[in-house]
Amino acid sequence: MVFENTEDYFETRIGLHDSNRFEVKLDYVLNPEHKANRYRVEAFFFIPTTFGISEDNYRSTAFYNDVQAHIRFKTPAISLSALARTDDNVLMAEIEDSLSKVRRKPREHLELQRNIEHDLRLVGAIARRHLRDQVLELKTKVEQVDNNKRKAVLREDLLAIGERLLRDIERFCKRYRAMRSKFLDGQVHSDRLEAAYLWVDEYISMAIELFLTRLIQAIDKYPPVRELLSDFRGRCSGVILAERNYRGNANYGSVIGGGVANDHFVYHRSRLKKFVSSVLWLAIDKGKDGKRWSDLIAGVAAGLAMFFALVMTIWQMQWLATNTWGFVFAGTATYIFKDRIKDWLKGAFSKHMTRFLYDYHVKIRDPVTNLQIGHCREAFSFVSESKMPHQIWHCRHRNAASTTEIMSKPEVVFKYEKAVQLNGQALTARLRQTHHDVNDIIRFDVSRFLFRLADPIEIVPQLDEETGEVVDLPMPRVYHMNLILRMTAEDARDNAIIEHVRVILNKEGIRAVEVQPL
């Protein structure tokens, strides 16, 4: 396999996570033939000076407290219909085959029990991805039907995809739930394995209800489309109610009761999601990378300072008597200079070596095999205008009408850099695919930046043209934080990928996240 362009190695998705955090999702596309797939991600944050952020009050420790990173396998793209097939090589068939062996001799197949639990959770993650992707496609087609006067063909396309989805849901659920009695009849002799089956079953049912409900919301947004798709909408509603009834009959904890506080629901749903999705998580062991270098720099600086002090002491002894006030004053001055030289050299070395050093070294492990499959290094630093890469500076200010406009919005810039290396050969067969990709999810919390911002609403007096009276108009006050991403892959033959993201926020948090066209 040969990848020609940088785009072959990266897929990016950028958006809002909650009111205080936005996230960047990077998909590293692996070349399975290479042991060392290398990627570099640089994120340049352009922060308005009104935020009060500077090198003095925003150190690397504060930045890493604001950043949350997860590395995980990308969910395999397997359809519900493929999962429901009875072929011997599909995931569900492997679960059934392993389950039969465990039921015959449960004490002899403890490792097989762990594999079954892993595969059950993987089935739940795959099912959720397929539901999400299919519903996103249907929502897009719903908009197309609404925007096109000649709707007959588009409507038939939408119905064909929708009916296939409902049919696949029915077949998949029938196949998965056919195993229920084999897990729960007591022959497995594993409470953990029984619980894993039930949790995944409940999670799948909740995912079906969630995504079909979102599809109905999309249909209801356009009354003409709702009328055209009334029968299909009714069948979606029927599936939702059937799943809700199923969970109630199974005594699952995810049933919302009318007139009840339901304070358990979100917590229980979160537990199920973490249980299923964590099957794709990769373990990370994070340690400080630059400590040994900082110790070395400090040692070199101290040594050079001591060298200066000894040279000066020898010189003083040649010219001044050791029992005179002149020798005392000269020795004191030497000590002062020695101390200042040590600090100056330490700062100078650190400043010029920062771009070659990293703050943290992260080992990436597969928690199933406990093998190290890669590593990454992270670095944080402020960037002056003179040291700013021209490509990044141009991207940030490409729409500025003049240098005066650039000067009118002063900013400080800091950079987060991440160098990632992944072993493609070690990951090749991990999840029953010819090769498998890795998600790197980076979330950034802006809470620390909001303290100095003005109130989100400013009252602006304005003369009313009709009445001639002055009226107070509430105007929203927002700020823009810009992020430039530069992504490169070592094996790519073309230039880096550049993304420009604008985060719009006010004192109450993030209002929107926009990817700017380049």
Protein backbone atom coordinates (compact mmCIF):
# COMPACT_ATOMS: atom_id res chain seq x y z
CA MET A 1 0.00 0.00 0.00
CA VAL A 2 1.39 3.39 -1.01
CA PHE A 3 -0.11 6.71 0.10
CA GLU A 4 0.76 9.64 -2.15
CA ASN A 5 -0.71 12.68 -0.40
CA THR A 6 -1.00 14.02 3.12
CA GLU A 7 -4.80 13.78 2.83
CA ASP A 8 -4.38 10.00 2.61
CA TYR A 9 -2.97 9.97 6.13
CA PHE A 10 -5.36 12.30 7.95
CA GLU A 11 -9.07 12.82 8.41
CA THR A 12 -10.19 15.69 10.64
CA ARG A 13 -13.44 16.61 12.37
CA ILE A 14 -13.67 19.76 14.45
CA GLY A 15 -16.61 20.86 16.52
CA LEU A 16 -18.19 21.84 19.82
CA HIS A 17 -18.13 19.31 22.66
CA ASP A 18 -19.93 21.38 25.33
CA SER A 19 -20.28 25.02 26.37
CA ASN A 20 -16.67 25.24 27.56
CA ARG A 21 -14.83 22.73 25.36
CA PHE A 22 -14.24 22.24 21.66
CA GLU A 23 -12.60 19.18 20.19
CA VAL A 24 -10.41 18.19 17.29
CA LYS A 25 -10.78 14.60 16.11
CA LEU A 26 -7.87 13.32 14.04
CA ASP A 27 -8.02 10.00 12.24
CA TYR A 28 -4.54 8.65 11.56
CA VAL A 29 -4.79 6.43 8.50
CA LEU A 30 -2.22 3.67 8.95
CA ASN A 31 -0.07 2.07 6.33
CA PRO A 32 -0.11 -1.56 7.57
CA GLU A 33 3.16 -2.33 5.82
CA HIS A 34 5.12 0.16 7.94
CA LYS A 35 6.28 -0.39 11.48
CA ALA A 36 6.74 3.36 11.91
CA ASN A 37 3.83 5.50 10.71
CA ARG A 38 4.86 9.01 11.73
CA TYR A 39 2.56 12.02 12.02
CA ARG A 40 3.08 15.56 13.27
CA VAL A 41 0.31 17.89 14.41
CA GLU A 42 0.95 21.55 15.21
CA ALA A 43 -1.81 23.69 16.70
CA PHE A 44 -1.23 27.47 16.78
CA PHE A 45 -3.61 29.28 19.16
CA PHE A 46 -4.14 32.99 18.39
CA ILE A 47 -5.48 34.49 21.63
CA PRO A 48 -6.74 38.12 21.85
CA THR A 49 -4.72 40.09 24.38
CA THR A 50 -8.00 41.07 26.09
CA PHE A 51 -8.06 37.52 27.49
CA GLY A 52 -5.08 38.43 29.68
CA ILE A 53 -3.03 35.37 28.67
CA SER A 54 0.77 35.67 28.64
CA GLU A 55 3.93 33.64 29.19
CA ASP A 56 4.01 34.86 32.80
CA ASN A 57 0.55 33.62 33.84
CA TYR A 58 -0.07 30.72 31.47
CA ARG A 59 2.63 28.11 31.80
CA SER A 60 2.77 24.68 30.23
CA THR A 61 1.23 23.08 33.34
CA ALA A 62 -1.87 25.26 32.93
CA PHE A 63 -2.15 24.37 29.25
CA TYR A 64 -1.92 20.62 29.87
CA ASN A 65 -4.59 20.98 32.56
CA ASP A 66 -6.86 22.54 29.92
CA VAL A 67 -6.19 19.81 27.33
CA GLN A 68 -7.79 16.39 27.45
CA ALA A 69 -6.57 13.81 24.95
CA HIS A 70 -7.85 10.32 24.12
CA ILE A 71 -6.33 7.85 21.68
CA ARG A 72 -8.49 4.98 20.50
CA PHE A 73 -9.11 2.66 17.62
CA LYS A 74 -11.51 3.91 14.99
CA THR A 75 -14.73 1.92 15.11
CA PRO A 76 -14.77 -0.69 12.31
CA ALA A 77 -17.17 0.15 9.49
CA ILE A 78 -19.29 -3.03 9.51
CA SER A 79 -22.99 -2.91 8.70
CA LEU A 80 -25.78 -4.39 10.81
CA SER A 81 -26.66 -6.70 7.94
CA ALA A 82 -23.08 -8.03 7.91
CA LEU A 83 -23.21 -8.61 11.67
CA ALA A 84 -26.51 -10.46 11.31
CA ARG A 85 -25.19 -12.88 8.67
CA THR A 86 -24.64 -16.50 9.64
CA ASP A 87 -21.26 -16.83 7.88
CA ASP A 88 -18.61 -18.59 9.91
CA ASN A 89 -16.14 -15.73 9.65
CA VAL A 90 -18.32 -12.90 10.95
CA LEU A 91 -18.02 -11.52 14.46
CA MET A 92 -21.36 -12.80 15.78
CA ALA A 93 -20.62 -16.33 14.55
CA GLU A 94 -17.28 -16.26 16.37
CA ILE A 95 -19.03 -15.20 19.57
CA GLU A 96 -21.50 -18.09 19.23
CA ASP A 97 -18.74 -20.59 18.54
CA SER A 98 -16.68 -19.43 21.53
CA LEU A 99 -19.80 -19.42 23.71
CA SER A 100 -20.50 -23.06 22.87
CA LYS A 101 -17.00 -24.04 24.02
CA VAL A 102 -17.34 -22.03 27.24
CA ARG A 103 -20.72 -23.60 28.03
CA ARG A 104 -19.25 -27.10 27.70
CA LYS A 105 -16.17 -26.46 29.85
CA PRO A 106 -16.39 -23.01 31.49
CA ARG A 107 -13.47 -23.56 33.87
CA GLU A 108 -11.09 -24.40 31.03
CA HIS A 109 -11.85 -21.37 28.89
CA LEU A 110 -11.22 -18.30 31.04
CA GLU A 111 -9.27 -16.60 28.25
CA LEU A 112 -12.10 -17.37 25.84
CA GLN A 113 -14.55 -15.73 28.25
CA ARG A 114 -12.50 -12.53 28.14
CA ASN A 115 -12.49 -12.68 24.35
CA ILE A 116 -16.28 -13.06 24.27
CA GLU A 117 -16.73 -10.03 26.53
CA HIS A 118 -14.40 -8.04 24.30
CA ASP A 119 -16.30 -9.07 21.14
CA LEU A 120 -19.70 -8.31 22.68
CA ARG A 121 -18.59 -4.77 23.47
CA LEU A 122 -17.14 -4.46 19.98
CA VAL A 123 -20.50 -5.50 18.50
CA GLY A 124 -22.17 -2.71 20.50
CA ALA A 125 -19.67 -0.11 19.26
CA ILE A 126 -20.03 -1.25 15.64
CA ALA A 127 -23.84 -1.21 15.83
CA ARG A 128 -23.85 2.35 17.20
CA ARG A 129 -21.53 3.59 14.45
CA HIS A 130 -23.66 2.03 11.72
CA LEU A 131 -26.85 3.54 13.17
CA ARG A 132 -25.20 6.95 13.43
CA ASP A 133 -23.84 6.91 9.87
CA GLN A 134 -27.09 5.67 8.34
CA VAL A 135 -29.19 8.25 10.15
CA LEU A 136 -26.78 11.04 9.11
CA GLU A 137 -27.17 9.94 5.49
CA LEU A 138 -30.96 9.86 5.83
CA LYS A 139 -31.05 13.31 7.43
CA THR A 140 -29.06 14.67 4.48
CA LYS A 141 -31.57 13.14 2.07
CA VAL A 142 -34.46 14.59 4.06
CA GLU A 143 -33.01 18.06 3.44
CA GLN A 144 -32.57 17.25 -0.24
CA VAL A 145 -36.20 16.18 -0.53
CA ASP A 146 -37.34 19.43 1.08
CA ASN A 147 -35.16 21.58 -1.20
CA ASN A 148 -36.11 19.87 -4.45
CA LYS A 149 -39.49 20.40 -6.08
CA ARG A 150 -39.17 17.18 -8.05
CA LYS A 151 -39.19 15.00 -4.97
CA ALA A 152 -40.40 11.65 -6.25
CA VAL A 153 -37.02 10.09 -7.09
CA LEU A 154 -35.28 11.48 -3.99
CA ARG A 155 -38.17 10.28 -1.85
CA GLU A 156 -37.83 6.78 -3.23
CA ASP A 157 -34.08 6.84 -2.57
CA LEU A 158 -34.69 7.94 1.00
CA LEU A 159 -37.35 5.30 1.58
CA ALA A 160 -35.14 2.56 0.14
CA ILE A 161 -32.30 3.42 2.54
CA GLY A 162 -34.68 3.90 5.46
CA GLU A 163 -36.54 0.64 4.89
CA ARG A 164 -33.24 -1.21 4.60
CA LEU A 165 -32.10 0.29 7.89
CA LEU A 166 -35.29 -0.80 9.69
CA ARG A 167 -34.98 -4.25 8.15
CA ASP A 168 -31.33 -4.54 9.22
CA ILE A 169 -32.21 -3.42 12.76
CA GLU A 170 -34.84 -6.14 13.00
CA ARG A 171 -32.52 -8.89 11.71
CA PHE A 172 -29.60 -7.79 13.83
CA CYS A 173 -31.62 -7.59 17.04
CA LYS A 174 -33.16 -11.01 16.35
CA ARG A 175 -29.69 -12.51 15.85
CA TYR A 176 -28.17 -10.87 18.91
CA ARG A 177 -31.09 -11.58 21.23
CA ALA A 178 -31.23 -15.21 20.12
CA MET A 179 -28.09 -15.70 22.23
CA ARG A 180 -29.77 -14.37 25.38
CA SER A 181 -30.86 -17.73 26.78
CA LYS A 182 -27.39 -19.25 26.22
CA PHE A 183 -25.78 -16.49 28.27
CA LEU A 184 -28.34 -16.55 31.08
CA ASP A 185 -29.21 -20.25 31.61
CA GLY A 186 -26.42 -20.73 34.15
CA GLN A 187 -24.10 -22.88 32.05
CA VAL A 188 -21.63 -20.07 31.40
CA HIS A 189 -20.78 -19.84 35.13
CA SER A 190 -19.66 -16.23 34.78
CA ASP A 191 -21.63 -13.35 36.27
CA ARG A 192 -19.34 -10.92 34.47
CA LEU A 193 -20.02 -12.44 31.06
CA GLU A 194 -23.77 -12.51 31.68
CA ALA A 195 -23.68 -8.86 32.75
CA ALA A 196 -21.62 -7.93 29.68
CA TYR A 197 -24.24 -9.46 27.36
CA LEU A 198 -27.08 -7.61 29.11
CA TRP A 199 -25.28 -4.26 29.17
CA VAL A 200 -24.48 -4.44 25.47
CA ASP A 201 -28.06 -5.50 24.71
CA GLU A 202 -29.43 -2.51 26.60
CA TYR A 203 -26.90 -0.18 24.98
CA ILE A 204 -27.88 -1.33 21.48
CA SER A 205 -31.56 -0.83 22.26
CA MET A 206 -30.90 2.69 23.54
CA ALA A 207 -28.82 3.51 20.44
CA ILE A 208 -31.65 2.38 18.16
CA GLU A 209 -34.11 4.60 20.00
CA LEU A 210 -31.72 7.57 20.07
CA PHE A 211 -30.86 7.64 16.37
CA LEU A 212 -34.35 6.87 15.10
CA THR A 213 -35.65 9.66 17.34
CA ARG A 214 -33.13 12.04 15.74
CA LEU A 215 -34.31 10.91 12.32
CA ILE A 216 -37.92 11.65 13.24
CA GLN A 217 -36.83 15.09 14.48
CA ALA A 218 -35.22 15.75 11.10
CA ILE A 219 -38.38 14.67 9.26
CA ASP A 220 -40.62 16.77 11.50
CA LYS A 221 -38.49 19.84 10.81
CA TYR A 222 -40.03 20.03 7.33
CA PRO A 223 -43.86 19.65 7.37
CA PRO A 224 -44.10 18.81 3.62
CA VAL A 225 -41.52 16.06 4.07
CA ARG A 226 -43.34 14.72 7.13
CA GLU A 227 -46.48 14.40 5.06
CA LEU A 228 -44.62 12.62 2.25
CA LEU A 229 -42.94 10.22 4.67
CA SER A 230 -45.81 9.70 7.10
CA ASP A 231 -45.85 5.90 6.69
CA PHE A 232 -42.09 5.58 7.12
CA ARG A 233 -42.15 7.91 10.11
CA GLY A 234 -44.84 5.73 11.66
CA ARG A 235 -42.69 2.62 11.24
CA CYS A 236 -39.74 4.39 12.89
CA SER A 237 -42.01 5.35 15.80
CA GLY A 238 -43.13 1.75 16.05
CA VAL A 239 -39.53 0.52 16.32
CA ILE A 240 -38.76 3.13 19.00
CA LEU A 241 -41.77 2.12 21.10
CA ALA A 242 -40.99 -1.56 20.63
CA GLU A 243 -37.43 -1.05 21.90
CA ARG A 244 -38.69 0.97 24.85
CA ASN A 245 -41.17 -1.78 25.67
CA TYR A 246 -38.45 -4.43 25.31
CA ARG A 247 -36.20 -2.66 27.83
CA GLY A 248 -39.12 -2.33 30.22
CA ASN A 249 -39.94 -6.04 30.00
CA ALA A 250 -36.25 -6.89 30.48
CA ASN A 251 -36.19 -4.69 33.61
CA TYR A 252 -33.36 -2.56 32.25
CA GLY A 253 -32.52 0.70 34.00
CA SER A 254 -32.82 2.91 30.93
CA VAL A 255 -36.60 3.21 30.86
CA ILE A 256 -37.83 6.76 31.46
CA GLY A 257 -40.92 6.79 33.67
CA GLY A 258 -43.59 9.43 33.38
CA GLY A 259 -43.88 11.72 36.39
CA VAL A 260 -40.61 10.42 37.84
CA ALA A 261 -37.46 12.46 38.42
CA ASN A 262 -35.44 10.12 36.16
CA ASP A 263 -32.24 11.40 37.76
CA HIS A 264 -30.66 8.00 37.19
CA PHE A 265 -31.07 8.00 33.41
CA VAL A 266 -28.12 10.10 32.22
CA TYR A 267 -25.76 8.48 34.72
CA HIS A 268 -26.83 4.98 33.70
CA ARG A 269 -26.57 5.80 29.99
CA SER A 270 -23.07 7.18 30.54
CA ARG A 271 -22.00 3.97 32.29
CA LEU A 272 -23.26 1.85 29.41
CA LYS A 273 -21.53 4.05 26.85
CA LYS A 274 -18.19 3.90 28.66
CA PHE A 275 -18.44 0.14 29.08
CA VAL A 276 -19.02 -0.42 25.36
CA SER A 277 -16.82 2.27 23.85
CA SER A 278 -13.85 1.55 26.11
CA VAL A 279 -13.22 -1.62 24.09
CA LEU A 280 -11.68 0.72 21.49
CA TRP A 281 -9.60 2.77 23.89
CA LEU A 282 -5.83 2.55 23.90
CA ALA A 283 -3.91 2.77 27.15
CA ILE A 284 -1.43 5.62 27.53
CA ASP A 285 1.50 5.89 29.93
CA LYS A 286 2.49 9.54 30.22
CA GLY A 287 5.77 10.76 31.63
CA LYS A 288 7.78 13.97 31.56
CA ASP A 289 10.10 13.96 28.59
CA GLY A 290 12.16 17.09 29.15
CA LYS A 291 13.11 16.62 32.81
CA ARG A 292 16.45 14.94 32.16
CA TRP A 293 17.30 17.63 29.61
CA SER A 294 16.34 20.45 31.96
CA ASP A 295 18.55 18.86 34.64
CA LEU A 296 21.41 18.65 32.12
CA ILE A 297 20.93 22.29 31.10
CA ALA A 298 20.91 23.37 34.74
CA GLY A 299 24.09 21.37 35.37
CA VAL A 300 25.92 22.86 32.38
CA ALA A 301 24.90 26.38 33.39
CA ALA A 302 26.08 25.81 36.97
CA GLY A 303 29.38 24.36 35.73
CA LEU A 304 30.10 27.30 33.44
CA ALA A 305 29.22 29.73 36.22
CA MET A 306 31.58 27.92 38.61
CA PHE A 307 34.32 27.99 35.97
CA PHE A 308 33.94 31.77 35.77
CA ALA A 309 34.08 32.05 39.57
CA LEU A 310 37.26 29.95 39.86
CA VAL A 311 39.01 31.89 37.08
CA MET A 312 38.14 35.17 38.77
CA THR A 313 39.29 33.86 42.15
CA ILE A 314 42.70 32.84 40.73
CA TRP A 315 43.02 36.24 39.04
CA GLN A 316 42.14 38.06 42.28
CA MET A 317 44.71 36.06 44.26
CA GLN A 318 47.39 37.14 41.81
CA TRP A 319 46.63 40.84 42.16
CA LEU A 320 45.08 41.22 45.62
CA ALA A 321 46.17 40.05 49.02
CA THR A 322 43.75 37.59 50.56
CA ASN A 323 43.52 39.51 53.84
CA THR A 324 42.49 42.87 52.36
CA TRP A 325 39.11 44.53 51.92
CA GLY A 326 39.73 44.69 48.17
CA PHE A 327 39.84 40.88 48.00
CA VAL A 328 36.61 40.66 50.03
CA PHE A 329 34.77 43.11 47.73
CA ALA A 330 36.10 41.42 44.58
CA GLY A 331 35.08 37.97 45.90
CA THR A 332 31.59 39.22 46.71
CA ALA A 333 31.22 40.71 43.23
CA THR A 334 32.43 37.43 41.69
CA TYR A 335 29.82 35.47 43.67
CA ILE A 336 27.06 37.83 42.52
CA PHE A 337 28.12 37.57 38.88
CA LYS A 338 28.48 33.80 39.15
CA ASP A 339 24.91 33.46 40.43
CA ARG A 340 23.53 35.76 37.70
CA ILE A 341 25.55 34.00 34.98
CA LYS A 342 24.14 30.62 36.04
CA ASP A 343 20.54 31.89 35.79
CA TRP A 344 21.20 33.70 32.51
CA LEU A 345 22.82 30.66 30.90
CA LYS A 346 20.05 28.38 32.14
CA GLY A 347 17.39 30.67 30.65
CA ALA A 348 19.29 31.10 27.38
CA PHE A 349 19.84 27.36 26.92
CA SER A 350 16.22 26.59 27.76
CA LYS A 351 14.93 29.23 25.37
CA HIS A 352 16.97 28.03 22.42
CA MET A 353 16.55 24.33 23.14
CA THR A 354 12.77 24.38 23.63
CA ARG A 355 12.02 23.69 19.98
CA PHE A 356 14.16 20.53 20.15
CA LEU A 357 12.67 19.25 23.43
CA TYR A 358 9.26 17.87 24.35
CA ASP A 359 7.36 18.21 27.61
CA TYR A 360 5.87 14.73 27.75
CA HIS A 361 6.55 11.32 26.30
CA VAL A 362 3.46 9.09 25.97
CA LYS A 363 3.63 5.35 25.40
CA ILE A 364 0.60 3.91 23.59
CA ARG A 365 -0.40 0.37 24.53
CA ASP A 366 -3.04 -2.06 23.40
CA PRO A 367 -4.81 -2.95 26.68
CA VAL A 368 -5.89 -6.33 25.30
CA THR A 369 -2.40 -7.60 24.41
CA ASN A 370 -0.53 -5.12 26.66
CA LEU A 371 1.91 -4.54 23.80
CA GLN A 372 3.29 -1.08 23.02
CA ILE A 373 2.02 -0.13 19.59
CA GLY A 374 3.37 3.39 19.39
CA HIS A 375 4.30 6.55 21.20
CA CYS A 376 3.87 10.30 20.97
CA ARG A 377 5.59 13.39 22.31
CA GLU A 378 3.97 16.68 23.29
CA ALA A 379 5.38 20.19 23.54
CA PHE A 380 3.95 23.59 24.46
CA SER A 381 5.55 27.00 23.87
CA PHE A 382 4.71 30.63 23.14
CA VAL A 383 5.60 31.84 19.66
CA SER A 384 6.73 35.38 18.85
CA GLU A 385 5.78 37.05 15.58
CA SER A 386 9.37 36.90 14.37
CA LYS A 387 9.49 33.11 14.90
CA MET A 388 6.05 32.47 13.38
CA PRO A 389 6.12 30.23 10.27
CA HIS A 390 5.13 32.32 7.27
CA GLN A 391 2.59 29.73 6.16
CA ILE A 392 0.77 29.96 9.51
CA TRP A 393 0.90 33.77 9.66
CA HIS A 394 -0.45 34.07 6.13
CA CYS A 395 -3.29 31.65 6.88
CA ARG A 396 -4.33 33.60 9.98
CA HIS A 397 -4.35 37.00 8.27
CA ARG A 398 -5.11 36.11 4.66
CA ASN A 399 -8.41 38.04 4.69
CA ALA A 400 -7.04 41.17 6.37
CA ALA A 401 -7.52 44.26 4.24
CA SER A 402 -4.33 45.93 5.50
CA THR A 403 -1.63 45.80 8.14
CA THR A 404 -3.69 48.33 10.07
CA GLU A 405 -6.46 45.75 10.46
CA ILE A 406 -3.92 43.22 11.78
CA MET A 407 -2.60 45.75 14.29
CA SER A 408 -6.13 46.50 15.47
CA LYS A 409 -6.54 42.97 16.86
CA PRO A 410 -3.38 42.24 18.89
CA GLU A 411 -2.93 38.61 19.83
CA VAL A 412 -0.55 36.33 21.68
CA VAL A 413 0.26 32.99 20.10
CA PHE A 414 1.13 29.69 21.67
CA LYS A 415 1.77 26.37 20.00
CA TYR A 416 0.91 22.80 20.92
CA GLU A 417 2.92 20.23 19.02
CA LYS A 418 2.36 16.49 18.93
CA ALA A 419 4.62 13.94 17.21
CA VAL A 420 3.00 10.51 16.89
CA GLN A 421 4.47 7.20 15.79
CA LEU A 422 2.31 4.08 15.33
CA ASN A 423 3.27 0.53 14.42
CA GLY A 424 1.10 -0.37 11.42
CA GLN A 425 2.14 -4.01 11.40
CA ALA A 426 1.24 -4.51 15.06
CA LEU A 427 -2.22 -3.01 14.48
CA THR A 428 -3.06 -4.78 11.24
CA ALA A 429 -5.18 -7.68 12.50
CA ARG A 430 -6.24 -6.14 15.82
CA LEU A 431 -9.94 -5.80 14.99
CA ARG A 432 -10.38 -8.32 12.17
CA GLN A 433 -9.60 -5.87 9.39
CA THR A 434 -6.83 -5.73 6.81
CA HIS A 435 -5.69 -2.58 8.59
CA HIS A 436 -7.13 -0.36 11.25
CA ASP A 437 -7.02 3.37 11.85
CA VAL A 438 -6.58 5.30 15.07
CA ASN A 439 -8.58 8.24 16.44
CA ASP A 440 -6.80 11.00 18.34
CA ILE A 441 -9.35 13.15 20.17
CA ILE A 442 -8.05 16.43 21.60
CA ARG A 443 -10.41 18.56 23.72
CA PHE A 444 -9.52 22.07 24.83
CA ASP A 445 -11.21 23.81 27.77
CA VAL A 446 -11.57 27.61 27.48
CA SER A 447 -12.89 28.17 31.04
CA ARG A 448 -9.62 29.77 32.13
CA PHE A 449 -9.92 32.35 29.33
CA LEU A 450 -13.36 33.67 30.30
CA PHE A 451 -12.60 35.50 33.56
CA ARG A 452 -11.52 38.81 32.01
CA LEU A 453 -14.18 38.96 29.32
CA ALA A 454 -16.91 41.60 29.44
CA ASP A 455 -20.56 40.77 30.02
CA PRO A 456 -22.14 38.84 27.13
CA ILE A 457 -24.72 41.58 26.49
CA GLU A 458 -23.89 45.25 25.99
CA ILE A 459 -26.61 47.90 26.03
CA VAL A 460 -26.20 50.26 23.06
CA PRO A 461 -28.32 53.45 22.98
CA GLN A 462 -29.72 54.20 19.52
CA LEU A 463 -32.04 56.80 18.05
CA ASP A 464 -35.26 55.26 16.75
CA GLU A 465 -35.96 56.60 13.24
CA GLU A 466 -39.74 56.37 13.57
CA THR A 467 -40.31 57.75 17.07
CA GLY A 468 -37.27 60.00 17.36
CA GLU A 469 -36.67 58.58 20.84
CA VAL A 470 -33.44 57.06 22.12
CA VAL A 471 -33.88 53.36 22.90
CA ASP A 472 -31.53 50.91 24.54
CA LEU A 473 -30.74 47.94 22.35
CA PRO A 474 -29.15 44.80 23.84
CA MET A 475 -26.24 43.70 21.64
CA PRO A 476 -24.32 40.44 22.02
CA ARG A 477 -20.61 40.78 22.71
CA VAL A 478 -18.46 37.95 21.39
CA TYR A 479 -14.76 37.28 20.98
CA HIS A 480 -12.87 35.26 18.40
CA MET A 481 -10.11 32.80 19.19
CA ASN A 482 -8.40 31.39 16.10
CA LEU A 483 -6.69 28.04 15.79
CA ILE A 484 -4.46 27.06 12.86
CA LEU A 485 -3.74 23.35 12.51
CA ARG A 486 -0.83 22.09 10.44
CA MET A 487 -0.64 18.32 9.93
CA THR A 488 2.14 16.43 8.21
CA ALA A 489 2.95 12.76 7.61
CA GLU A 490 6.54 11.64 7.15
CA ASP A 491 5.78 9.41 4.15
CA ALA A 492 3.58 11.91 2.31
CA ARG A 493 5.06 13.48 -0.78
CA ASP A 494 3.12 16.75 -0.76
CA ASN A 495 2.79 19.68 1.61
CA ALA A 496 1.07 19.79 4.97
CA ILE A 497 -2.68 19.97 5.50
CA ILE A 498 -3.78 23.33 6.96
CA GLU A 499 -7.05 23.88 8.84
CA HIS A 500 -8.28 27.24 10.15
CA VAL A 501 -10.75 27.04 13.03
CA ARG A 502 -12.53 30.00 14.59
CA VAL A 503 -13.93 29.61 18.10
CA ILE A 504 -16.59 32.23 18.88
CA LEU A 505 -17.15 32.73 22.60
CA ASN A 506 -18.37 35.12 25.27
CA LYS A 507 -18.18 35.23 29.05
CA GLU A 508 -20.66 32.35 29.32
CA GLY A 509 -18.66 29.99 27.11
CA ILE A 510 -18.36 28.87 23.50
CA ARG A 511 -21.10 30.04 21.15
CA ALA A 512 -19.92 28.34 17.95
CA VAL A 513 -16.98 26.58 16.31
CA GLU A 514 -16.47 27.37 12.62
CA VAL A 515 -14.03 25.84 10.15
CA GLN A 516 -12.89 28.65 7.87
CA PRO A 517 -12.47 28.06 4.13
CA LEU A 518 -8.90 28.32 2.87
